[in-house]
Every structure is written in C-alpha cells, then in structure tokens.
C-alpha cells in the first residue's frame, strides 16, 4: 500500500490538513525566532536586495512545480470520476440493450447485473480504498459472462442488440480495470520529497530577510507557510481518487442499482 494511501486511511482529512498547515507555520515562526536570536535585522537587511532576486527565482521554480502537480492531480481525479460514471452507464446500457432478448434470459441478466453492481458498492469500493480489488465482484462479473456466452440470438434483431450488449459489457469491464488501476496510482515518492523539502527551503529563505518590524514579518512568513502547506495538502488529498474523505463515491452505481431493482 502506498504511504500516501495509508495516511489518508488512518488520518481524517480535516485533521491531516490542520497538521500539515500547523507544522509549516510553526516551522516558519520557530525558524524566524531562531534566526533573530543570532542575527540582528540591521545585519540581515544589508542582503535584502540580493536575497530578493534569489528568492524570486526560487519561488518561481517551486511555484511551477507545485502548480504542475496540482493540475495533474486534479485531472487524474476528474478522469477517475468520469471513468466511474462511464462504467456505471455502460452497465445500465447492458440491461437497456437486452430488451429484445428472451424474457427468461433478460430476467437472469437483470439479477446478475444487480448482484454485480451491488458487489461493486458493498465489496469492491471499501477494498479499493486500500488499493485492492474484490474477488466477489470479479466472480459476479464472470457470472454475467457465463450467462451470456451460452446464448444464441434467434433472429436478426436479437443478434444486433446482443452484439451491443456484449460491446457495452466489454466497455464496462475495461472501465473497471482502469478504475482499479487508478485507485493505486499515486505520485512518485521522489516528487513528494522534492515538494516537502522545496517548501521548507522556500520558507527558510524568507527567514533571512531583515525587517525592523518583527511581528509583521512573522505574519507574512506564516501566511506564506500556510499557503504552501494548503497546496501540499490539496495534492495529498487528491492523490488517491478513491481513498479518503475527498474521493470518488459510488453514488452513480447506487443509481444504476436502484434503476435495475425497480425496472
């Protein structure tokens, strides 16, 4: 299990955000007080011009990196949500396209689809939060294939619609494989190392600016630290699209299940 997934499972999202922000803000305040203990602001002030240019370059590099990861994470999260919707829609279409098939087969297909969708919600979703797949859901999927593999269309209309049923079921199975893959796909640990260390370095650089007014400098430095921490928290919270409180929920599958049970 990836470390980020473990963190999202063990620590509530709100608490995680508070801990990250508090850690960065306390680091900035403690660091500033430590620097002021050994260096007077008048001495630090002499280097403000040079430090400003270096800090601007450092800030741009870190801002580009962190913005890139936020965008990538959001795109992956959004894609996971869209793929989940597509998968549910394909399953709904399987039953809809089975309308011309014999009544007995359609009834069995309806029950098998309902069992499969219910297994996705009740069995696979909790396991997927841990990066695992459900054997029960896989068995329910194979049961649908066994049911359809023994059928021979009786006329041209049934043949056309049966072909669509198989196509949509194949599409749904493909979306499931993608969903399971997305559940375990996270940012490489090296990038997290760069993000965390880069954030601390960016904050540390601001500690060496000389300012006669100590309190305003603490406030400004803390605000910068909080902003970096909030961005880092956003990346962590969205990194695993099916894990944690900020995640893709199986609501669309519940809608399909309700539709199957009441059809």
C-alpha atoms as a PDB file:
ATOM      1  CA  UNK A   1       0.000   0.000   0.000  1.00  0.00           C
ATOM      2  CA  UNK A   2       1.436   3.427  -0.957  1.00  0.00           C
ATOM      3  CA  UNK A   3       2.364   5.592   2.030  1.00  0.00           C
ATOM      4  CA  UNK A   4       0.030   8.421   0.971  1.00  0.00           C
ATOM      5  CA  UNK A   5      -2.878   5.975   0.781  1.00  0.00           C
ATOM      6  CA  UNK A   6      -2.019   4.744   4.280  1.00  0.00           C
ATOM      7  CA  UNK A   7      -2.029   8.318   5.610  1.00  0.00           C
ATOM      8  CA  UNK A   8      -5.403   9.084   4.007  1.00  0.00           C
ATOM      9  CA  UNK A   9      -6.874   5.920   5.528  1.00  0.00           C
ATOM     10  CA  UNK A  10      -5.541   6.490   9.032  1.00  0.00           C
ATOM     11  CA  UNK A  11      -5.881  10.267   9.464  1.00  0.00           C
ATOM     12  CA  UNK A  12      -9.157  12.187   8.947  1.00  0.00           C
ATOM     13  CA  UNK A  13      -8.861  14.666   6.093  1.00  0.00           C
ATOM     14  CA  UNK A  14      -9.592  17.785   8.164  1.00  0.00           C
ATOM     15  CA  UNK A  15      -7.108  16.734  10.853  1.00  0.00           C
ATOM     16  CA  UNK A  16      -4.487  15.993   8.195  1.00  0.00           C
ATOM     17  CA  UNK A  17      -4.927  19.476   6.733  1.00  0.00           C
ATOM     18  CA  UNK A  18      -4.613  21.082  10.164  1.00  0.00           C
ATOM     19  CA  UNK A  19      -1.478  19.081  10.977  1.00  0.00           C
ATOM     20  CA  UNK A  20       0.245  19.988   7.705  1.00  0.00           C
ATOM     21  CA  UNK A  21      -0.601  23.693   7.973  1.00  0.00           C
ATOM     22  CA  UNK A  22       0.316  23.843  11.669  1.00  0.00           C
ATOM     23  CA  UNK A  23       3.647  22.097  11.029  1.00  0.00           C
ATOM     24  CA  UNK A  24       4.695  24.529   8.309  1.00  0.00           C
ATOM     25  CA  UNK A  25       3.518  27.608  10.213  1.00  0.00           C
ATOM     26  CA  UNK A  26       5.281  26.535  13.421  1.00  0.00           C
ATOM     27  CA  UNK A  27       8.416  25.808  11.401  1.00  0.00           C
ATOM     28  CA  UNK A  28       8.344  29.330   9.964  1.00  0.00           C
ATOM     29  CA  UNK A  29       7.760  31.003  13.335  1.00  0.00           C
ATOM     30  CA  UNK A  30      10.361  28.925  15.181  1.00  0.00           C
ATOM     31  CA  UNK A  31      12.878  29.413  12.388  1.00  0.00           C
ATOM     32  CA  UNK A  32      12.368  33.172  12.311  1.00  0.00           C
ATOM     33  CA  UNK A  33      12.752  33.467  16.075  1.00  0.00           C
ATOM     34  CA  UNK A  34      15.917  31.350  15.943  1.00  0.00           C
ATOM     35  CA  UNK A  35      17.460  33.472  13.180  1.00  0.00           C
ATOM     36  CA  UNK A  36      16.617  36.696  15.045  1.00  0.00           C
ATOM     37  CA  UNK A  37      18.278  35.297  18.144  1.00  0.00           C
ATOM     38  CA  UNK A  38      21.653  35.128  16.404  1.00  0.00           C
ATOM     39  CA  UNK A  39      21.355  37.853  13.747  1.00  0.00           C
ATOM     40  CA  UNK A  40      20.088  41.390  14.132  1.00  0.00           C
ATOM     41  CA  UNK A  41      17.642  42.692  11.496  1.00  0.00           C
ATOM     42  CA  UNK A  42      20.046  45.530  10.609  1.00  0.00           C
ATOM     43  CA  UNK A  43      22.639  42.961   9.555  1.00  0.00           C
ATOM     44  CA  UNK A  44      20.145  40.880   7.572  1.00  0.00           C
ATOM     45  CA  UNK A  45      18.762  43.994   5.929  1.00  0.00           C
ATOM     46  CA  UNK A  46      22.048  44.545   4.099  1.00  0.00           C
ATOM     47  CA  UNK A  47      21.370  41.472   1.929  1.00  0.00           C
ATOM     48  CA  UNK A  48      17.707  42.119   1.136  1.00  0.00           C
ATOM     49  CA  UNK A  49      18.322  43.241  -2.450  1.00  0.00           C
ATOM     50  CA  UNK A  50      20.414  40.217  -3.421  1.00  0.00           C
ATOM     51  CA  UNK A  51      18.217  37.845  -1.441  1.00  0.00           C
ATOM     52  CA  UNK A  52      15.125  39.224  -3.193  1.00  0.00           C
ATOM     53  CA  UNK A  53      16.395  38.224  -6.643  1.00  0.00           C
ATOM     54  CA  UNK A  54      17.384  34.742  -5.474  1.00  0.00           C
ATOM     55  CA  UNK A  55      14.091  34.273  -3.649  1.00  0.00           C
ATOM     56  CA  UNK A  56      12.138  35.309  -6.748  1.00  0.00           C
ATOM     57  CA  UNK A  57      13.926  32.637  -8.806  1.00  0.00           C
ATOM     58  CA  UNK A  58      13.457  30.001  -6.114  1.00  0.00           C
ATOM     59  CA  UNK A  59       9.791  30.928  -5.721  1.00  0.00           C
ATOM     60  CA  UNK A  60       9.109  30.657  -9.449  1.00  0.00           C
ATOM     61  CA  UNK A  61      10.754  27.222  -9.670  1.00  0.00           C
ATOM     62  CA  UNK A  62       8.772  25.912  -6.698  1.00  0.00           C
ATOM     63  CA  UNK A  63       5.533  27.545  -7.858  1.00  0.00           C
ATOM     64  CA  UNK A  64       5.811  25.934 -11.309  1.00  0.00           C
ATOM     65  CA  UNK A  65       6.460  22.514  -9.782  1.00  0.00           C
ATOM     66  CA  UNK A  66       3.636  22.666  -7.266  1.00  0.00           C
ATOM     67  CA  UNK A  67       1.172  24.131  -9.784  1.00  0.00           C
ATOM     68  CA  UNK A  68       2.021  21.379 -12.255  1.00  0.00           C
ATOM     69  CA  UNK A  69       1.334  18.668  -9.667  1.00  0.00           C
ATOM     70  CA  UNK A  70      -1.929  20.283  -8.545  1.00  0.00           C
ATOM     71  CA  UNK A  71      -3.171  20.370 -12.151  1.00  0.00           C
ATOM     72  CA  UNK A  72      -2.062  16.788 -12.841  1.00  0.00           C
ATOM     73  CA  UNK A  73      -3.680  15.524  -9.630  1.00  0.00           C
ATOM     74  CA  UNK A  74      -6.930  17.331 -10.354  1.00  0.00           C
ATOM     75  CA  UNK A  75      -7.006  15.983 -13.912  1.00  0.00           C
ATOM     76  CA  UNK A  76      -6.432  12.435 -12.653  1.00  0.00           C
ATOM     77  CA  UNK A  77      -9.145  12.850 -10.013  1.00  0.00           C
ATOM     78  CA  UNK A  78     -11.572  14.236 -12.578  1.00  0.00           C
ATOM     79  CA  UNK A  79     -10.744  11.440 -15.020  1.00  0.00           C
ATOM     80  CA  UNK A  80     -11.364   8.826 -12.313  1.00  0.00           C
ATOM     81  CA  UNK A  81     -14.762  10.370 -11.654  1.00  0.00           C
ATOM     82  CA  UNK A  82     -15.621  10.376 -15.365  1.00  0.00           C
ATOM     83  CA  UNK A  83     -14.480   6.771 -15.840  1.00  0.00           C
ATOM     84  CA  UNK A  84     -16.614   5.697 -12.891  1.00  0.00           C
ATOM     85  CA  UNK A  85     -19.640   7.372 -14.467  1.00  0.00           C
ATOM     86  CA  UNK A  86     -18.882   5.735 -17.821  1.00  0.00           C
ATOM     87  CA  UNK A  87     -18.615   2.320 -16.197  1.00  0.00           C
ATOM     88  CA  UNK A  88     -21.976   2.692 -14.464  1.00  0.00           C
ATOM     89  CA  UNK A  89     -23.603   3.982 -17.656  1.00  0.00           C
ATOM     90  CA  UNK A  90     -22.256   1.035 -19.635  1.00  0.00           C
ATOM     91  CA  UNK A  91     -23.767  -1.372 -17.120  1.00  0.00           C
ATOM     92  CA  UNK A  92     -27.105   0.426 -17.343  1.00  0.00           C
ATOM     93  CA  UNK A  93     -26.905   0.197 -21.140  1.00  0.00           C
ATOM     94  CA  UNK A  94     -26.288  -3.555 -20.963  1.00  0.00           C
ATOM     95  CA  UNK A  95     -29.712  -4.082 -19.449  1.00  0.00           C
ATOM     96  CA  UNK A  96     -31.374  -1.482 -21.659  1.00  0.00           C
ATOM     97  CA  UNK A  97     -29.999  -3.072 -24.859  1.00  0.00           C
ATOM     98  CA  UNK A  98     -31.171  -6.505 -23.748  1.00  0.00           C
ATOM     99  CA  UNK A  99     -34.825  -5.529 -24.309  1.00  0.00           C
ATOM    100  CA  UNK A 100     -35.319  -7.731 -27.461  1.00  0.00           C
ATOM    101  CA  UNK A 101     -33.758 -10.796 -25.807  1.00  0.00           C
ATOM    102  CA  UNK A 102     -35.960 -13.617 -24.408  1.00  0.00           C
ATOM    103  CA  UNK A 103     -37.719 -12.743 -21.170  1.00  0.00           C
ATOM    104  CA  UNK A 104     -36.112 -15.516 -19.111  1.00  0.00           C
ATOM    105  CA  UNK A 105     -32.598 -14.527 -20.178  1.00  0.00           C
ATOM    106  CA  UNK A 106     -33.285 -10.853 -19.577  1.00  0.00           C
ATOM    107  CA  UNK A 107     -34.611 -11.600 -16.114  1.00  0.00           C
ATOM    108  CA  UNK A 108     -31.482 -13.592 -15.241  1.00  0.00           C
ATOM    109  CA  UNK A 109     -29.306 -10.850 -16.711  1.00  0.00           C
ATOM    110  CA  UNK A 110     -31.095  -8.247 -14.609  1.00  0.00           C
ATOM    111  CA  UNK A 111     -30.475 -10.229 -11.410  1.00  0.00           C
ATOM    112  CA  UNK A 112     -26.845 -10.878 -12.339  1.00  0.00           C
ATOM    113  CA  UNK A 113     -26.246  -7.191 -13.113  1.00  0.00           C
ATOM    114  CA  UNK A 114     -27.909  -6.180  -9.833  1.00  0.00           C
ATOM    115  CA  UNK A 115     -25.655  -8.599  -7.919  1.00  0.00           C
ATOM    116  CA  UNK A 116     -22.610  -7.273  -9.775  1.00  0.00           C
ATOM    117  CA  UNK A 117     -23.391  -3.597  -9.153  1.00  0.00           C
ATOM    118  CA  UNK A 118     -24.238  -4.283  -5.525  1.00  0.00           C
ATOM    119  CA  UNK A 119     -20.909  -6.101  -5.140  1.00  0.00           C
ATOM    120  CA  UNK A 120     -19.079  -3.081  -6.582  1.00  0.00           C
ATOM    121  CA  UNK A 121     -20.723  -0.850  -3.978  1.00  0.00           C
ATOM    122  CA  UNK A 122     -20.594  -3.119  -0.938  1.00  0.00           C
ATOM    123  CA  UNK A 123     -17.480  -5.231  -1.527  1.00  0.00           C
ATOM    124  CA  UNK A 124     -15.121  -3.630  -4.019  1.00  0.00           C
ATOM    125  CA  UNK A 125     -15.370   0.035  -3.018  1.00  0.00           C
ATOM    126  CA  UNK A 126     -14.153  -0.461   0.579  1.00  0.00           C
ATOM    127  CA  UNK A 127     -11.326  -2.698  -0.678  1.00  0.00           C
ATOM    128  CA  UNK A 128     -10.439  -0.259  -3.444  1.00  0.00           C
ATOM    129  CA  UNK A 129      -9.803   2.410  -0.801  1.00  0.00           C
ATOM    130  CA  UNK A 130      -6.904   0.174   0.291  1.00  0.00           C
ATOM    131  CA  UNK A 131      -5.718  -0.387  -3.273  1.00  0.00           C
ATOM    132  CA  UNK A 132      -7.243  -3.870  -3.532  1.00  0.00           C
ATOM    133  CA  UNK A 133      -9.786  -5.498  -5.828  1.00  0.00           C
ATOM    134  CA  UNK A 134     -12.732  -7.681  -4.783  1.00  0.00           C
ATOM    135  CA  UNK A 135     -12.772 -11.407  -5.664  1.00  0.00           C
ATOM    136  CA  UNK A 136     -16.551 -11.378  -5.087  1.00  0.00           C
ATOM    137  CA  UNK A 137     -17.016  -8.635  -7.662  1.00  0.00           C
ATOM    138  CA  UNK A 138     -14.803 -10.491 -10.118  1.00  0.00           C
ATOM    139  CA  UNK A 139     -16.873 -13.639  -9.600  1.00  0.00           C
ATOM    140  CA  UNK A 140     -20.102 -11.676 -10.159  1.00  0.00           C
ATOM    141  CA  UNK A 141     -18.663 -10.283 -13.404  1.00  0.00           C
ATOM    142  CA  UNK A 142     -17.671 -13.750 -14.620  1.00  0.00           C
ATOM    143  CA  UNK A 143     -21.177 -14.975 -13.825  1.00  0.00           C
ATOM    144  CA  UNK A 144     -22.602 -12.428 -16.289  1.00  0.00           C
ATOM    145  CA  UNK A 145     -20.190 -13.611 -18.979  1.00  0.00           C
ATOM    146  CA  UNK A 146     -21.142 -17.255 -18.384  1.00  0.00           C
ATOM    147  CA  UNK A 147     -24.804 -16.336 -18.679  1.00  0.00           C
ATOM    148  CA  UNK A 148     -24.365 -14.513 -21.985  1.00  0.00           C
ATOM    149  CA  UNK A 149     -21.828 -16.885 -23.527  1.00  0.00           C
ATOM    150  CA  UNK A 150     -24.410 -19.664 -23.723  1.00  0.00           C
ATOM    151  CA  UNK A 151     -26.989 -17.638 -25.669  1.00  0.00           C
ATOM    152  CA  UNK A 152     -27.569 -17.791 -29.424  1.00  0.00           C
ATOM    153  CA  UNK A 153     -29.687 -14.974 -30.945  1.00  0.00           C
ATOM    154  CA  UNK A 154     -32.891 -16.247 -32.537  1.00  0.00           C
ATOM    155  CA  UNK A 155     -33.325 -13.520 -35.148  1.00  0.00           C
ATOM    156  CA  UNK A 156     -31.547 -10.549 -36.723  1.00  0.00           C
ATOM    157  CA  UNK A 157     -32.947  -8.046 -34.218  1.00  0.00           C
ATOM    158  CA  UNK A 158     -31.747 -10.090 -31.272  1.00  0.00           C
ATOM    159  CA  UNK A 159     -28.368 -10.505 -32.964  1.00  0.00           C
ATOM    160  CA  UNK A 160     -27.933  -6.722 -33.362  1.00  0.00           C
ATOM    161  CA  UNK A 161     -28.936  -5.934 -29.788  1.00  0.00           C
ATOM    162  CA  UNK A 162     -26.965  -8.877 -28.350  1.00  0.00           C
ATOM    163  CA  UNK A 163     -23.855  -7.531 -30.084  1.00  0.00           C
ATOM    164  CA  UNK A 164     -24.436  -4.183 -28.369  1.00  0.00           C
ATOM    165  CA  UNK A 165     -24.905  -5.910 -25.009  1.00  0.00           C
ATOM    166  CA  UNK A 166     -21.542  -7.660 -25.354  1.00  0.00           C
ATOM    167  CA  UNK A 167     -19.844  -4.449 -26.518  1.00  0.00           C
ATOM    168  CA  UNK A 168     -21.183  -2.436 -23.574  1.00  0.00           C
ATOM    169  CA  UNK A 169     -20.239  -5.177 -21.129  1.00  0.00           C
ATOM    170  CA  UNK A 170     -16.705  -5.236 -22.530  1.00  0.00           C
ATOM    171  CA  UNK A 171     -16.542  -1.457 -22.145  1.00  0.00           C
ATOM    172  CA  UNK A 172     -17.748  -1.710 -18.530  1.00  0.00           C
ATOM    173  CA  UNK A 173     -15.099  -4.344 -17.762  1.00  0.00           C
ATOM    174  CA  UNK A 174     -12.420  -2.129 -19.281  1.00  0.00           C
ATOM    175  CA  UNK A 175     -13.566   0.824 -17.168  1.00  0.00           C
ATOM    176  CA  UNK A 176     -13.384  -1.384 -14.082  1.00  0.00           C
ATOM    177  CA  UNK A 177      -9.779  -2.319 -14.855  1.00  0.00           C
ATOM    178  CA  UNK A 178      -8.949   1.358 -15.303  1.00  0.00           C
ATOM    179  CA  UNK A 179     -10.751   2.228 -12.051  1.00  0.00           C
ATOM    180  CA  UNK A 180      -8.755  -0.344 -10.079  1.00  0.00           C
ATOM    181  CA  UNK A 181      -5.535   0.874 -11.679  1.00  0.00           C
ATOM    182  CA  UNK A 182      -6.360   4.500 -10.834  1.00  0.00           C
ATOM    183  CA  UNK A 183      -7.059   3.534  -7.227  1.00  0.00           C
ATOM    184  CA  UNK A 184      -3.425   2.510  -6.710  1.00  0.00           C
ATOM    185  CA  UNK A 185      -1.750   5.132  -8.891  1.00  0.00           C
ATOM    186  CA  UNK A 186      -0.045   7.831  -6.823  1.00  0.00           C
ATOM    187  CA  UNK A 187       2.640  10.478  -7.251  1.00  0.00           C
ATOM    188  CA  UNK A 188       6.165   9.079  -7.084  1.00  0.00           C
ATOM    189  CA  UNK A 189       7.704   9.413  -3.583  1.00  0.00           C
ATOM    190  CA  UNK A 190      10.619  11.360  -5.093  1.00  0.00           C
ATOM    191  CA  UNK A 191       8.228  14.142  -6.117  1.00  0.00           C
ATOM    192  CA  UNK A 192       6.804  14.282  -2.597  1.00  0.00           C
ATOM    193  CA  UNK A 193      10.343  14.578  -1.251  1.00  0.00           C
ATOM    194  CA  UNK A 194      11.023  17.485  -3.603  1.00  0.00           C
ATOM    195  CA  UNK A 195       7.695  19.118  -2.696  1.00  0.00           C
ATOM    196  CA  UNK A 196       8.236  18.909   1.056  1.00  0.00           C
ATOM    197  CA  UNK A 197      11.900  19.896   1.048  1.00  0.00           C
ATOM    198  CA  UNK A 198      11.272  22.589  -1.575  1.00  0.00           C
ATOM    199  CA  UNK A 199       8.527  24.093   0.561  1.00  0.00           C
ATOM    200  CA  UNK A 200      10.745  24.134   3.640  1.00  0.00           C
ATOM    201  CA  UNK A 201      13.610  25.698   1.670  1.00  0.00           C
ATOM    202  CA  UNK A 202      11.302  28.381   0.273  1.00  0.00           C
ATOM    203  CA  UNK A 203      10.075  29.236   3.759  1.00  0.00           C
ATOM    204  CA  UNK A 204      13.603  29.123   5.173  1.00  0.00           C
ATOM    205  CA  UNK A 205      14.800  31.633   2.607  1.00  0.00           C
ATOM    206  CA  UNK A 206      12.288  34.232   3.837  1.00  0.00           C
ATOM    207  CA  UNK A 207      13.718  33.972   7.346  1.00  0.00           C
ATOM    208  CA  UNK A 208      16.892  35.749   6.253  1.00  0.00           C
ATOM    209  CA  UNK A 209      15.167  38.937   5.153  1.00  0.00           C
ATOM    210  CA  UNK A 210      15.845  41.803   7.518  1.00  0.00           C
ATOM    211  CA  UNK A 211      12.816  43.702   8.793  1.00  0.00           C
ATOM    212  CA  UNK A 212      12.649  46.144  11.683  1.00  0.00           C
ATOM    213  CA  UNK A 213       9.048  45.154  12.397  1.00  0.00           C
ATOM    214  CA  UNK A 214       9.240  41.606  13.740  1.00  0.00           C
ATOM    215  CA  UNK A 215       5.517  40.916  14.155  1.00  0.00           C
ATOM    216  CA  UNK A 216       4.541  41.799  10.562  1.00  0.00           C
ATOM    217  CA  UNK A 217       7.382  39.604   9.291  1.00  0.00           C
ATOM    218  CA  UNK A 218       6.126  36.693  11.381  1.00  0.00           C
ATOM    219  CA  UNK A 219       2.616  37.190   9.997  1.00  0.00           C
ATOM    220  CA  UNK A 220       3.782  37.380   6.373  1.00  0.00           C
ATOM    221  CA  UNK A 221       6.076  34.373   6.742  1.00  0.00           C
ATOM    222  CA  UNK A 222       3.307  32.366   8.417  1.00  0.00           C
ATOM    223  CA  UNK A 223       0.886  33.234   5.622  1.00  0.00           C
ATOM    224  CA  UNK A 224       3.394  32.024   3.021  1.00  0.00           C
ATOM    225  CA  UNK A 225       3.956  28.810   5.003  1.00  0.00           C
ATOM    226  CA  UNK A 226       0.212  28.252   5.344  1.00  0.00           C
ATOM    227  CA  UNK A 227      -0.314  28.744   1.589  1.00  0.00           C
ATOM    228  CA  UNK A 228       2.427  26.251   0.728  1.00  0.00           C
ATOM    229  CA  UNK A 229       1.026  23.790   3.267  1.00  0.00           C
ATOM    230  CA  UNK A 230      -2.527  24.118   1.926  1.00  0.00           C
ATOM    231  CA  UNK A 231      -1.320  23.455  -1.604  1.00  0.00           C
ATOM    232  CA  UNK A 232       0.642  20.426  -0.442  1.00  0.00           C
ATOM    233  CA  UNK A 233      -2.427  19.197   1.433  1.00  0.00           C
ATOM    234  CA  UNK A 234      -4.514  19.571  -1.734  1.00  0.00           C
ATOM    235  CA  UNK A 235      -2.052  17.421  -3.668  1.00  0.00           C
ATOM    236  CA  UNK A 236      -2.078  14.737  -0.963  1.00  0.00           C
ATOM    237  CA  UNK A 237      -5.881  14.733  -0.602  1.00  0.00           C
ATOM    238  CA  UNK A 238      -6.441  14.322  -4.358  1.00  0.00           C
ATOM    239  CA  UNK A 239      -3.575  11.911  -4.982  1.00  0.00           C
ATOM    240  CA  UNK A 240      -5.640   8.755  -4.352  1.00  0.00           C
ATOM    241  CA  UNK A 241      -9.016   9.393  -6.055  1.00  0.00           C
ATOM    242  CA  UNK A 242     -10.786   6.521  -4.281  1.00  0.00           C
ATOM    243  CA  UNK A 243      -9.227   6.878  -0.814  1.00  0.00           C
ATOM    244  CA  UNK A 244     -10.032   9.276   1.992  1.00  0.00           C
ATOM    245  CA  UNK A 245     -12.916  11.636   2.608  1.00  0.00           C
ATOM    246  CA  UNK A 246     -12.196  13.629  -0.563  1.00  0.00           C
ATOM    247  CA  UNK A 247     -12.701  10.795  -3.031  1.00  0.00           C
ATOM    248  CA  UNK A 248     -14.915   9.476  -5.811  1.00  0.00           C
ATOM    249  CA  UNK A 249     -18.041   7.923  -4.300  1.00  0.00           C
ATOM    250  CA  UNK A 250     -20.116   5.041  -5.748  1.00  0.00           C
ATOM    251  CA  UNK A 251     -23.294   7.137  -5.945  1.00  0.00           C
ATOM    252  CA  UNK A 252     -23.651   6.616  -9.689  1.00  0.00           C
ATOM    253  CA  UNK A 253     -23.643   2.835  -9.123  1.00  0.00           C
ATOM    254  CA  UNK A 254     -26.336   3.201  -6.474  1.00  0.00           C
ATOM    255  CA  UNK A 255     -28.455   4.998  -9.062  1.00  0.00           C
ATOM    256  CA  UNK A 256     -27.975   2.146 -11.541  1.00  0.00           C
ATOM    257  CA  UNK A 257     -28.761  -0.441  -8.865  1.00  0.00           C
ATOM    258  CA  UNK A 258     -31.965   1.372  -7.937  1.00  0.00           C
ATOM    259  CA  UNK A 259     -32.914   1.510 -11.594  1.00  0.00           C
ATOM    260  CA  UNK A 260     -32.316  -2.248 -12.006  1.00  0.00           C
ATOM    261  CA  UNK A 261     -34.285  -3.176  -8.896  1.00  0.00           C
ATOM    262  CA  UNK A 262     -37.288  -1.076  -9.899  1.00  0.00           C
ATOM    263  CA  UNK A 263     -37.362  -1.943 -13.599  1.00  0.00           C
END
